[in-house]
Amino acid sequence: MATRLGVVSYLNTKPLVRPFETGELDYPFELIYDLPSVCADKLHAEETDVALIPLVEIARAPEPYRIVPNIGIGSLGPVRSVFLVLNKEPEEIQMLALDASSRTSAVLSQVVLAKQFGCRPDFFSSTPDLEQMLSRADAALLIGDPALELDVKRYRVLDLGEAWTEMTGLPFVYACWTGRSGAIDPTGIGQLLEAKALGLEQIGEITEAFAATHILPPAFYAAYLTRHIRFDLGESELDGMKQFYAYAFELGLIEQVPNVQVYET
């Protein structure tokens, strides 16, 4: 039976899976595409075996999870696809609209507001309809492709990747391949690593194809994938994860700090 692989349907995941999609790599995976929040729900419900889930969901797992080494979706500085769109100064925000497709960024937004701006707003979840969100809130969290294509000249935004690195000096990890113990073997992990290596060589093809159905030119999307997104998961990224969990626990946003274990290869 094929390993069921939960895949997020955003541009920033394409370099991790494109060689599977094109048939360039043979693989024992069934690819199941969803929003980040749904990927997490399906992994928790055992409807997938390994999934690219939001970082905060590792802390909410029904049992201890493991992560695949050396592969992540992260940033060091501006990420360009995780924004707080502001109607007020950050320290004056009283109501925050959260993109319902996000979970890690929803917690990150509250961590940054609390730790950097001394602000603990009320919040509600919403579909990523920015005008509707801002009609009810002082700020709105927008993530993924909708944030990437936001006209930042029209709106005042706080880039949460940039805010995190300014605050901590660390990278931020938004998602990583995650599963239960024994859900994937070293051969499968090797295939995920090979797909990442090949996919990073195919940024040009990925962004050409993406731009054909989106509003911005390929060069914009290529700059995003090469200058803003980091696909590694090393010691500094693990340190960033630990700091995020510590802050989230301190603020009561998660119930426990997970002991993050890495699959053996």
Protein backbone atom coordinates (compact mmCIF):
# COMPACT_ATOMS: atom_id res chain seq x y z
CA MET A 1 0.00 0.00 0.00
CA ALA A 2 1.32 3.45 -0.96
CA THR A 3 2.34 5.86 1.78
CA ARG A 4 -0.31 8.58 1.90
CA LEU A 5 1.47 11.92 1.67
CA GLY A 6 -0.46 15.06 2.67
CA VAL A 7 0.68 17.95 0.48
CA VAL A 8 -0.13 21.64 0.88
CA SER A 9 -1.46 23.23 -2.30
CA TYR A 10 0.67 26.42 -2.25
CA LEU A 11 3.47 27.61 -4.53
CA ASN A 12 6.07 27.29 -1.76
CA THR A 13 5.56 23.51 -1.56
CA LYS A 14 6.04 22.89 -5.28
CA PRO A 15 9.83 22.40 -5.15
CA LEU A 16 9.31 19.58 -2.64
CA VAL A 17 6.92 17.53 -4.79
CA ARG A 18 7.25 18.54 -8.45
CA PRO A 19 9.58 15.63 -9.37
CA PHE A 20 6.83 13.28 -8.13
CA GLU A 21 4.14 15.13 -10.07
CA THR A 22 6.09 15.02 -13.34
CA GLY A 23 7.02 11.35 -12.97
CA GLU A 24 10.70 12.23 -12.90
CA LEU A 25 11.00 10.19 -9.72
CA ASP A 26 9.31 6.88 -9.07
CA TYR A 27 7.85 6.91 -5.60
CA PRO A 28 5.66 4.85 -3.27
CA PHE A 29 3.46 7.81 -2.33
CA GLU A 30 -0.16 8.77 -2.85
CA LEU A 31 -0.23 12.57 -3.01
CA ILE A 32 -3.22 14.14 -1.23
CA TYR A 33 -3.54 17.93 -1.67
CA ASP A 34 -5.18 20.23 0.88
CA LEU A 35 -4.89 23.52 2.72
CA PRO A 36 -2.38 23.47 5.62
CA SER A 37 -5.08 23.20 8.28
CA VAL A 38 -6.77 20.30 6.46
CA CYS A 39 -3.43 18.52 6.00
CA ALA A 40 -3.02 18.62 9.78
CA ASP A 41 -6.55 17.40 10.45
CA LYS A 42 -6.11 14.44 8.09
CA LEU A 43 -2.82 13.44 9.69
CA HIS A 44 -4.35 13.65 13.16
CA ALA A 45 -7.26 11.49 11.95
CA GLU A 46 -4.85 8.94 10.39
CA GLU A 47 -6.21 9.70 6.92
CA THR A 48 -2.62 10.34 5.79
CA ASP A 49 0.66 8.79 6.93
CA VAL A 50 3.09 11.69 6.52
CA ALA A 51 2.05 15.26 5.80
CA LEU A 52 3.44 18.75 5.37
CA ILE A 53 1.66 20.20 8.40
CA PRO A 54 1.78 23.56 10.17
CA LEU A 55 4.43 23.65 12.87
CA VAL A 56 2.00 24.36 15.69
CA GLU A 57 0.05 21.18 14.91
CA ILE A 58 3.00 19.07 16.09
CA ALA A 59 2.24 20.46 19.56
CA ARG A 60 -1.42 19.44 19.16
CA ALA A 61 -0.78 15.90 17.94
CA PRO A 62 -2.79 13.05 19.49
CA GLU A 63 0.51 11.18 19.93
CA PRO A 64 4.21 12.08 19.54
CA TYR A 65 5.13 12.80 15.93
CA ARG A 66 8.46 12.70 14.15
CA ILE A 67 9.73 15.06 11.47
CA VAL A 68 11.70 14.34 8.32
CA PRO A 69 15.21 15.83 8.61
CA ASN A 70 16.58 18.57 6.38
CA ILE A 71 13.30 19.56 4.70
CA GLY A 72 11.09 22.45 5.75
CA ILE A 73 9.24 25.54 4.63
CA GLY A 74 10.82 28.45 6.44
CA SER A 75 12.27 31.94 6.29
CA LEU A 76 15.06 34.05 7.75
CA GLY A 77 13.83 37.61 7.55
CA PRO A 78 10.96 38.70 5.28
CA VAL A 79 8.87 35.77 4.06
CA ARG A 80 6.58 37.79 1.77
CA SER A 81 3.64 35.39 2.11
CA VAL A 82 2.63 35.76 5.79
CA PHE A 83 1.28 39.23 6.46
CA LEU A 84 -0.64 41.10 9.09
CA VAL A 85 -2.55 43.70 7.09
CA LEU A 86 -2.99 46.66 9.42
CA ASN A 87 -5.73 49.22 9.95
CA LYS A 88 -4.04 50.44 13.15
CA GLU A 89 -0.64 50.52 14.78
CA PRO A 90 0.26 46.97 15.93
CA GLU A 91 0.17 47.93 19.62
CA GLU A 92 -3.37 49.35 19.18
CA ILE A 93 -4.99 46.26 17.61
CA GLN A 94 -8.05 45.13 19.55
CA MET A 95 -9.61 42.69 17.06
CA LEU A 96 -7.64 40.40 14.76
CA ALA A 97 -9.06 38.44 11.81
CA LEU A 98 -7.23 35.16 11.24
CA ASP A 99 -7.11 33.32 7.93
CA ALA A 100 -8.88 30.05 8.71
CA SER A 101 -6.51 28.09 6.45
CA SER A 102 -3.61 28.93 8.78
CA ARG A 103 -2.72 27.57 12.19
CA THR A 104 1.00 28.18 12.71
CA SER A 105 0.79 31.72 11.34
CA ALA A 106 -2.29 32.36 13.48
CA VAL A 107 -0.24 31.57 16.57
CA LEU A 108 2.82 33.40 15.22
CA SER A 109 0.77 36.56 14.74
CA GLN A 110 -0.34 36.45 18.37
CA VAL A 111 3.21 35.72 19.58
CA VAL A 112 4.65 38.67 17.66
CA LEU A 113 1.91 41.04 18.79
CA ALA A 114 2.31 39.99 22.42
CA LYS A 115 6.10 39.77 22.68
CA GLN A 116 7.09 42.66 20.40
CA PHE A 117 4.14 45.05 20.75
CA GLY A 118 2.58 44.16 24.11
CA CYS A 119 -0.76 43.52 22.45
CA ARG A 120 -3.23 40.64 23.13
CA PRO A 121 -6.21 41.26 20.82
CA ASP A 122 -9.43 39.30 20.53
CA PHE A 123 -9.66 37.34 17.28
CA PHE A 124 -11.93 35.42 14.95
CA SER A 125 -11.35 33.06 12.03
CA SER A 126 -12.38 33.95 8.50
CA THR A 127 -12.06 32.93 4.90
CA PRO A 128 -9.19 34.92 3.31
CA ASP A 129 -11.41 37.74 2.04
CA LEU A 130 -9.32 40.74 3.00
CA GLU A 131 -11.93 43.47 2.64
CA GLN A 132 -14.45 41.50 4.65
CA MET A 133 -11.84 40.73 7.31
CA LEU A 134 -10.82 44.38 7.65
CA SER A 135 -14.45 45.52 7.84
CA ARG A 136 -14.68 43.68 11.20
CA ALA A 137 -11.11 43.84 12.51
CA ASP A 138 -8.18 46.18 13.13
CA ALA A 139 -5.81 43.78 11.37
CA ALA A 140 -6.05 40.67 9.23
CA LEU A 141 -3.73 37.70 8.86
CA LEU A 142 -3.24 36.64 5.25
CA ILE A 143 -1.04 33.71 4.25
CA GLY A 144 0.08 31.69 1.25
CA ASP A 145 -0.72 32.58 -2.34
CA PRO A 146 -3.34 35.26 -1.44
CA ALA A 147 -0.71 37.08 0.64
CA LEU A 148 1.95 36.59 -2.00
CA GLU A 149 -0.17 38.39 -4.58
CA LEU A 150 -1.34 41.17 -2.25
CA ASP A 151 -0.66 44.70 -3.53
CA VAL A 152 1.65 45.82 -0.72
CA LYS A 153 1.64 49.39 -2.08
CA ARG A 154 -2.08 49.60 -1.35
CA TYR A 155 -2.02 48.16 2.17
CA ARG A 156 0.11 48.60 5.26
CA VAL A 157 1.55 45.23 6.17
CA LEU A 158 3.68 43.63 8.87
CA ASP A 159 5.72 40.74 7.47
CA LEU A 160 5.63 38.16 10.26
CA GLY A 161 8.74 36.34 9.07
CA GLU A 162 10.69 39.58 9.26
CA ALA A 163 9.19 40.45 12.65
CA TRP A 164 10.10 37.04 14.07
CA THR A 165 13.73 37.21 12.94
CA GLU A 166 14.10 40.79 14.18
CA MET A 167 12.73 39.67 17.55
CA THR A 168 14.72 36.44 17.96
CA GLY A 169 17.56 36.41 15.43
CA LEU A 170 16.33 32.97 14.36
CA PRO A 171 14.73 31.43 11.28
CA PHE A 172 11.05 30.58 11.40
CA VAL A 173 9.69 27.22 10.24
CA TYR A 174 6.10 27.25 8.98
CA ALA A 175 5.73 23.58 8.07
CA CYS A 176 7.67 20.34 7.74
CA TRP A 177 7.10 16.72 6.73
CA THR A 178 5.62 15.07 9.82
CA GLY A 179 4.23 11.66 10.75
CA ARG A 180 3.86 9.00 13.38
CA SER A 181 6.80 6.84 14.40
CA GLY A 182 7.38 4.20 11.74
CA ALA A 183 5.15 5.90 9.15
CA ILE A 184 8.03 6.28 6.68
CA ASP A 185 11.26 4.32 6.30
CA PRO A 186 14.76 5.58 5.37
CA THR A 187 14.12 4.79 1.70
CA GLY A 188 11.02 6.99 1.67
CA ILE A 189 12.89 9.77 3.45
CA GLY A 190 15.64 9.49 0.86
CA GLN A 191 13.05 9.95 -1.88
CA LEU A 192 11.69 13.08 -0.20
CA LEU A 193 15.21 14.47 0.03
CA GLU A 194 15.89 13.62 -3.61
CA ALA A 195 12.66 15.30 -4.66
CA LYS A 196 13.67 18.45 -2.79
CA ALA A 197 17.11 18.52 -4.43
CA LEU A 198 15.65 18.09 -7.92
CA GLY A 199 12.79 20.50 -7.26
CA LEU A 200 15.15 23.28 -6.23
CA GLU A 201 16.86 22.90 -9.59
CA GLN A 202 13.49 23.39 -11.30
CA ILE A 203 12.45 26.76 -9.86
CA GLY A 204 12.35 28.25 -13.35
CA GLU A 205 9.95 25.64 -14.67
CA ILE A 206 7.84 25.78 -11.50
CA THR A 207 7.41 29.54 -11.61
CA GLU A 208 6.76 29.64 -15.38
CA ALA A 209 3.92 27.18 -14.93
CA PHE A 210 2.57 28.98 -11.85
CA ALA A 211 2.66 32.42 -13.49
CA ALA A 212 0.61 31.12 -16.42
CA THR A 213 -2.45 30.94 -14.16
CA HIS A 214 -1.64 33.78 -11.74
CA ILE A 215 -1.31 37.54 -11.89
CA LEU A 216 2.41 38.22 -11.47
CA PRO A 217 5.40 37.40 -13.71
CA PRO A 218 7.61 34.32 -13.29
CA ALA A 219 10.53 36.42 -12.03
CA PHE A 220 8.47 37.59 -9.04
CA TYR A 221 7.58 34.04 -8.03
CA ALA A 222 11.15 32.86 -8.62
CA ALA A 223 12.49 35.62 -6.36
CA TYR A 224 10.03 34.54 -3.69
CA LEU A 225 11.15 30.91 -3.80
CA THR A 226 14.86 31.72 -3.89
CA ARG A 227 15.17 34.83 -1.69
CA HIS A 228 12.39 34.49 0.85
CA ILE A 229 11.66 30.79 1.34
CA ARG A 230 14.21 28.41 2.88
CA PHE A 231 13.74 24.69 2.33
CA ASP A 232 16.34 23.44 4.82
CA LEU A 233 15.73 22.19 8.34
CA GLY A 234 18.96 22.26 10.31
CA GLU A 235 20.08 23.22 13.80
CA SER A 236 19.18 26.90 13.53
CA GLU A 237 15.70 26.02 12.25
CA LEU A 238 15.24 23.57 15.13
CA ASP A 239 16.28 26.33 17.53
CA GLY A 240 13.66 28.59 15.96
CA MET A 241 11.03 25.87 16.41
CA LYS A 242 11.91 25.47 20.09
CA GLN A 243 11.71 29.22 20.69
CA PHE A 244 8.33 29.41 18.96
CA TYR A 245 6.95 26.58 21.07
CA ALA A 246 8.30 28.20 24.24
CA TYR A 247 6.63 31.53 23.47
CA ALA A 248 3.37 29.89 22.40
CA PHE A 249 3.24 27.86 25.62
CA GLU A 250 4.09 30.90 27.76
CA LEU A 251 1.16 32.77 26.18
CA GLY A 252 -1.26 29.86 26.60
CA LEU A 253 -1.58 29.29 22.84
CA ILE A 254 -0.56 25.63 23.06
CA GLU A 255 -1.06 23.21 25.94
CA GLN A 256 2.38 21.61 25.82
CA VAL A 257 5.85 22.06 24.36
CA PRO A 258 6.47 19.05 22.12
CA ASN A 259 9.68 17.09 22.27
CA VAL A 260 10.43 17.17 18.57
CA GLN A 261 11.95 13.92 17.34
CA VAL A 262 13.55 13.44 13.92
CA TYR A 263 13.18 10.31 11.81
CA GLU A 264 16.33 8.23 11.52
CA THR A 265 17.82 7.93 8.05
